[in-house]
Structure formats: C-alpha cells, structure tokens
C-alpha cells in the first residue's frame, strides 16, 4: 500500500514538473520572439476600456479551465498576462486574486468541469448529474465574488 502510494506520488510529481518545465520553455519562447511586447502594443492600440479588457482576460481562462488543469493554465497565462497588467493599470495582487477565483470556477463549471468528476468519484451513491446540479450555486457565488472584486479593483 505504501509502495503504491509512493509510486503514484512520484508519477504525479513528475507530471507536474513536466508541466512546469514546459511552461517555462513557453515563457522563454514568448520572451525570445518578442510576442509579449507585440501583444502589449496591440492592447494599447485597441484603446478598449480596462474593464472590458479585464472581462476578456478572465473569460479566456474561464473557458480553458473547463478543459485543462488549473496549474497548467496558470503556468501558461502568467507570462502572457503579467506584462499587460501595468499597461492596463491593474494592481497585480487584485488581478491575480480574481484570476485564482476565475480558474477555480472554471474547474467546477459544467459541462466539462473536471473537478466535478473527482467529487463524484469520492461520493459513492451520487450521480454525476446530482453533482453538477449541486455545483451551480457555488458557481454563482464565485462569479458574484469576482464581480464584486472587479468593481472594487485597485487601479
């Protein structure tokens, strides 16, 4: 039993390290090609309101987190979004707090919230549809919390 647990832990740890190494290579590629600078220049030339940009910057990871792991998504999104924060005038602490709530909601949101399947696997006599129905109030509360935080976002 302990040997199985150690083997599983080693496997999961190696997967996480592979994700971290891949995201580091991706961020280096973005820096080397100048893609971040070009993206920042594009955002500046669009001249959209910061609240609209915040909505767009939150919508993309929300949808992506329904399909992929939150850690993997954050490792990819951080090198892209961090330089944009100063351009848009967002406080990084406030922004990343909203982003953490956002990826949490994406992970539990139907129809593909993979965290829901883990919850259902932990419960013996509960169907997946019951778990999805039970998740909706929490999704609503998380979204309400993100809206409140966005309204009081520090500029």
C-alpha atoms as a PDB file:
ATOM      1  CA  UNK A   1       0.000   0.000   0.000  1.00  0.00           C
ATOM      2  CA  UNK A   2       2.792   2.437   0.870  1.00  0.00           C
ATOM      3  CA  UNK A   3       4.735   1.396  -2.219  1.00  0.00           C
ATOM      4  CA  UNK A   4       1.671   2.076  -4.392  1.00  0.00           C
ATOM      5  CA  UNK A   5       1.202   5.479  -2.772  1.00  0.00           C
ATOM      6  CA  UNK A   6       4.865   6.350  -3.334  1.00  0.00           C
ATOM      7  CA  UNK A   7       4.650   5.254  -6.964  1.00  0.00           C
ATOM      8  CA  UNK A   8       1.529   7.324  -7.558  1.00  0.00           C
ATOM      9  CA  UNK A   9       3.087  10.334  -5.819  1.00  0.00           C
ATOM     10  CA  UNK A  10       6.219  10.050  -7.942  1.00  0.00           C
ATOM     11  CA  UNK A  11       4.124   9.813 -11.106  1.00  0.00           C
ATOM     12  CA  UNK A  12       2.014  12.873 -10.238  1.00  0.00           C
ATOM     13  CA  UNK A  13       5.092  14.852  -9.179  1.00  0.00           C
ATOM     14  CA  UNK A  14       6.835  14.054 -12.453  1.00  0.00           C
ATOM     15  CA  UNK A  15       3.764  15.181 -14.397  1.00  0.00           C
ATOM     16  CA  UNK A  16       3.684  18.485 -12.519  1.00  0.00           C
ATOM     17  CA  UNK A  17       7.405  19.028 -13.071  1.00  0.00           C
ATOM     18  CA  UNK A  18       6.964  18.326 -16.777  1.00  0.00           C
ATOM     19  CA  UNK A  19       4.154  20.888 -16.931  1.00  0.00           C
ATOM     20  CA  UNK A  20       6.304  23.446 -15.101  1.00  0.00           C
ATOM     21  CA  UNK A  21       9.287  22.831 -17.386  1.00  0.00           C
ATOM     22  CA  UNK A  22       7.110  23.108 -20.479  1.00  0.00           C
ATOM     23  CA  UNK A  23       5.545  26.350 -19.288  1.00  0.00           C
ATOM     24  CA  UNK A  24       8.990  27.765 -18.539  1.00  0.00           C
ATOM     25  CA  UNK A  25      10.095  26.916 -22.072  1.00  0.00           C
ATOM     26  CA  UNK A  26       6.913  28.530 -23.396  1.00  0.00           C
ATOM     27  CA  UNK A  27       7.565  31.738 -21.456  1.00  0.00           C
ATOM     28  CA  UNK A  28      11.159  31.793 -22.725  1.00  0.00           C
ATOM     29  CA  UNK A  29       9.866  31.345 -26.276  1.00  0.00           C
ATOM     30  CA  UNK A  30       7.469  34.247 -25.808  1.00  0.00           C
ATOM     31  CA  UNK A  31      10.270  36.433 -24.465  1.00  0.00           C
ATOM     32  CA  UNK A  32      12.698  35.412 -27.224  1.00  0.00           C
ATOM     33  CA  UNK A  33      10.253  36.056 -30.058  1.00  0.00           C
ATOM     34  CA  UNK A  34       9.027  39.356 -28.621  1.00  0.00           C
ATOM     35  CA  UNK A  35       5.429  38.160 -28.617  1.00  0.00           C
ATOM     36  CA  UNK A  36       4.723  39.772 -25.248  1.00  0.00           C
ATOM     37  CA  UNK A  37       5.877  43.175 -26.487  1.00  0.00           C
ATOM     38  CA  UNK A  38       3.745  42.831 -29.606  1.00  0.00           C
ATOM     39  CA  UNK A  39       0.718  41.771 -27.563  1.00  0.00           C
ATOM     40  CA  UNK A  40       1.177  44.726 -25.226  1.00  0.00           C
ATOM     41  CA  UNK A  41       1.416  47.094 -28.193  1.00  0.00           C
ATOM     42  CA  UNK A  42      -1.724  45.560 -29.686  1.00  0.00           C
ATOM     43  CA  UNK A  43      -3.647  46.036 -26.439  1.00  0.00           C
ATOM     44  CA  UNK A  44      -2.539  49.677 -26.249  1.00  0.00           C
ATOM     45  CA  UNK A  45      -3.615  50.372 -29.840  1.00  0.00           C
ATOM     46  CA  UNK A  46      -7.055  48.797 -29.302  1.00  0.00           C
ATOM     47  CA  UNK A  47      -7.896  51.560 -26.816  1.00  0.00           C
ATOM     48  CA  UNK A  48     -10.601  49.494 -25.120  1.00  0.00           C
ATOM     49  CA  UNK A  49     -11.699  50.232 -21.579  1.00  0.00           C
ATOM     50  CA  UNK A  50      -9.750  48.429 -18.853  1.00  0.00           C
ATOM     51  CA  UNK A  51     -12.949  46.798 -17.552  1.00  0.00           C
ATOM     52  CA  UNK A  52     -13.662  45.300 -20.975  1.00  0.00           C
ATOM     53  CA  UNK A  53     -10.095  44.021 -21.137  1.00  0.00           C
ATOM     54  CA  UNK A  54     -10.491  42.562 -17.637  1.00  0.00           C
ATOM     55  CA  UNK A  55     -13.629  40.745 -18.787  1.00  0.00           C
ATOM     56  CA  UNK A  56     -11.852  39.348 -21.858  1.00  0.00           C
ATOM     57  CA  UNK A  57      -8.768  38.398 -19.833  1.00  0.00           C
ATOM     58  CA  UNK A  58     -10.995  36.495 -17.393  1.00  0.00           C
ATOM     59  CA  UNK A  59     -13.254  34.870 -19.981  1.00  0.00           C
ATOM     60  CA  UNK A  60     -10.449  33.089 -21.829  1.00  0.00           C
ATOM     61  CA  UNK A  61      -9.024  31.222 -18.771  1.00  0.00           C
ATOM     62  CA  UNK A  62     -12.551  30.520 -17.502  1.00  0.00           C
ATOM     63  CA  UNK A  63     -13.383  28.605 -20.661  1.00  0.00           C
ATOM     64  CA  UNK A  64      -9.960  26.949 -20.821  1.00  0.00           C
ATOM     65  CA  UNK A  65     -10.182  25.736 -17.199  1.00  0.00           C
ATOM     66  CA  UNK A  66     -13.252  23.718 -18.054  1.00  0.00           C
ATOM     67  CA  UNK A  67     -10.967  21.507 -20.135  1.00  0.00           C
ATOM     68  CA  UNK A  68      -7.443  21.652 -18.667  1.00  0.00           C
ATOM     69  CA  UNK A  69      -5.817  21.691 -15.245  1.00  0.00           C
ATOM     70  CA  UNK A  70      -5.656  24.966 -13.327  1.00  0.00           C
ATOM     71  CA  UNK A  71      -1.915  24.694 -12.618  1.00  0.00           C
ATOM     72  CA  UNK A  72      -1.097  24.122 -16.272  1.00  0.00           C
ATOM     73  CA  UNK A  73      -3.292  27.028 -17.304  1.00  0.00           C
ATOM     74  CA  UNK A  74      -1.756  29.407 -14.767  1.00  0.00           C
ATOM     75  CA  UNK A  75       1.751  28.455 -15.865  1.00  0.00           C
ATOM     76  CA  UNK A  76       0.854  29.406 -19.427  1.00  0.00           C
ATOM     77  CA  UNK A  77      -1.218  32.507 -18.627  1.00  0.00           C
ATOM     78  CA  UNK A  78       1.107  34.206 -16.121  1.00  0.00           C
ATOM     79  CA  UNK A  79       3.907  35.054 -18.594  1.00  0.00           C
ATOM     80  CA  UNK A  80       1.338  36.430 -21.030  1.00  0.00           C
ATOM     81  CA  UNK A  81      -0.830  38.432 -18.624  1.00  0.00           C
ATOM     82  CA  UNK A  82       1.755  39.813 -16.191  1.00  0.00           C
ATOM     83  CA  UNK A  83       3.259  42.406 -18.597  1.00  0.00           C
ATOM     84  CA  UNK A  84      -0.236  43.527 -19.590  1.00  0.00           C
ATOM     85  CA  UNK A  85      -1.183  44.410 -16.014  1.00  0.00           C
ATOM     86  CA  UNK A  86       0.987  47.512 -15.826  1.00  0.00           C
ATOM     87  CA  UNK A  87      -0.104  48.566 -19.315  1.00  0.00           C
ATOM     88  CA  UNK A  88      -3.759  48.374 -18.297  1.00  0.00           C
ATOM     89  CA  UNK A  89      -3.072  49.881 -14.871  1.00  0.00           C
ATOM     90  CA  UNK A  90      -4.263  46.919 -12.801  1.00  0.00           C
ATOM     91  CA  UNK A  91      -2.967  46.140  -9.332  1.00  0.00           C
ATOM     92  CA  UNK A  92      -1.287  42.714  -9.750  1.00  0.00           C
ATOM     93  CA  UNK A  93      -2.404  41.380  -6.349  1.00  0.00           C
ATOM     94  CA  UNK A  94      -6.043  42.229  -7.015  1.00  0.00           C
ATOM     95  CA  UNK A  95      -5.894  40.896 -10.568  1.00  0.00           C
ATOM     96  CA  UNK A  96      -4.336  37.553  -9.631  1.00  0.00           C
ATOM     97  CA  UNK A  97      -6.812  37.135  -6.769  1.00  0.00           C
ATOM     98  CA  UNK A  98      -9.653  37.474  -9.263  1.00  0.00           C
ATOM     99  CA  UNK A  99      -7.811  35.132 -11.637  1.00  0.00           C
ATOM    100  CA  UNK A 100      -7.491  32.450  -8.936  1.00  0.00           C
ATOM    101  CA  UNK A 101     -11.217  32.645  -8.279  1.00  0.00           C
ATOM    102  CA  UNK A 102     -11.779  32.513 -12.019  1.00  0.00           C
ATOM    103  CA  UNK A 103      -9.801  29.321 -12.613  1.00  0.00           C
ATOM    104  CA  UNK A 104     -11.479  27.726  -9.596  1.00  0.00           C
ATOM    105  CA  UNK A 105     -14.887  28.458 -11.078  1.00  0.00           C
ATOM    106  CA  UNK A 106     -13.729  27.135 -14.446  1.00  0.00           C
ATOM    107  CA  UNK A 107     -12.680  23.878 -12.817  1.00  0.00           C
ATOM    108  CA  UNK A 108     -16.091  23.285 -11.228  1.00  0.00           C
ATOM    109  CA  UNK A 109     -18.282  24.668 -14.008  1.00  0.00           C
ATOM    110  CA  UNK A 110     -20.464  22.350 -16.009  1.00  0.00           C
ATOM    111  CA  UNK A 111     -20.449  20.915 -18.642  1.00  0.00           C
ATOM    112  CA  UNK A 112     -16.792  19.858 -18.564  1.00  0.00           C
ATOM    113  CA  UNK A 113     -15.570  20.887 -15.107  1.00  0.00           C
ATOM    114  CA  UNK A 114     -13.209  18.036 -14.445  1.00  0.00           C
ATOM    115  CA  UNK A 115     -13.107  18.731 -10.693  1.00  0.00           C
ATOM    116  CA  UNK A 116     -16.767  17.716 -10.612  1.00  0.00           C
ATOM    117  CA  UNK A 117     -15.819  14.246 -11.800  1.00  0.00           C
ATOM    118  CA  UNK A 118     -13.354  13.958  -8.906  1.00  0.00           C
ATOM    119  CA  UNK A 119     -16.118  14.952  -6.477  1.00  0.00           C
ATOM    120  CA  UNK A 120     -18.433  12.346  -7.958  1.00  0.00           C
ATOM    121  CA  UNK A 121     -15.739   9.684  -7.694  1.00  0.00           C
ATOM    122  CA  UNK A 122     -15.340  10.431  -3.985  1.00  0.00           C
ATOM    123  CA  UNK A 123     -19.073  10.018  -3.318  1.00  0.00           C
ATOM    124  CA  UNK A 124     -20.442   6.507  -3.601  1.00  0.00           C
ATOM    125  CA  UNK A 125     -24.150   6.876  -4.261  1.00  0.00           C
ATOM    126  CA  UNK A 126     -24.281  10.211  -6.054  1.00  0.00           C
ATOM    127  CA  UNK A 127     -24.779  10.548  -9.792  1.00  0.00           C
ATOM    128  CA  UNK A 128     -22.823  12.993 -11.911  1.00  0.00           C
ATOM    129  CA  UNK A 129     -25.994  14.956 -12.713  1.00  0.00           C
ATOM    130  CA  UNK A 130     -26.648  15.461  -8.990  1.00  0.00           C
ATOM    131  CA  UNK A 131     -23.112  16.762  -8.512  1.00  0.00           C
ATOM    132  CA  UNK A 132     -23.484  19.136 -11.467  1.00  0.00           C
ATOM    133  CA  UNK A 133     -26.793  20.445 -10.080  1.00  0.00           C
ATOM    134  CA  UNK A 134     -25.191  20.945  -6.677  1.00  0.00           C
ATOM    135  CA  UNK A 135     -22.291  22.880  -8.244  1.00  0.00           C
ATOM    136  CA  UNK A 136     -24.418  25.642  -9.774  1.00  0.00           C
ATOM    137  CA  UNK A 137     -24.973  27.638  -6.541  1.00  0.00           C
ATOM    138  CA  UNK A 138     -21.230  27.658  -5.906  1.00  0.00           C
ATOM    139  CA  UNK A 139     -20.508  28.757  -9.458  1.00  0.00           C
ATOM    140  CA  UNK A 140     -22.967  31.621  -8.994  1.00  0.00           C
ATOM    141  CA  UNK A 141     -21.399  32.675  -5.699  1.00  0.00           C
ATOM    142  CA  UNK A 142     -17.894  32.590  -7.159  1.00  0.00           C
ATOM    143  CA  UNK A 143     -18.971  34.698 -10.135  1.00  0.00           C
ATOM    144  CA  UNK A 144     -20.688  37.181  -7.812  1.00  0.00           C
ATOM    145  CA  UNK A 145     -17.498  37.393  -5.749  1.00  0.00           C
ATOM    146  CA  UNK A 146     -15.429  38.031  -8.869  1.00  0.00           C
ATOM    147  CA  UNK A 147     -17.814  40.795  -9.943  1.00  0.00           C
ATOM    148  CA  UNK A 148     -17.572  42.452  -6.528  1.00  0.00           C
ATOM    149  CA  UNK A 149     -13.777  42.238  -6.623  1.00  0.00           C
ATOM    150  CA  UNK A 150     -13.711  43.625 -10.170  1.00  0.00           C
ATOM    151  CA  UNK A 151     -15.899  46.567  -9.165  1.00  0.00           C
ATOM    152  CA  UNK A 152     -13.531  47.435  -6.337  1.00  0.00           C
ATOM    153  CA  UNK A 153     -10.400  46.637  -8.360  1.00  0.00           C
ATOM    154  CA  UNK A 154      -7.492  48.844  -7.373  1.00  0.00           C
ATOM    155  CA  UNK A 155      -6.167  50.855 -10.289  1.00  0.00           C
END
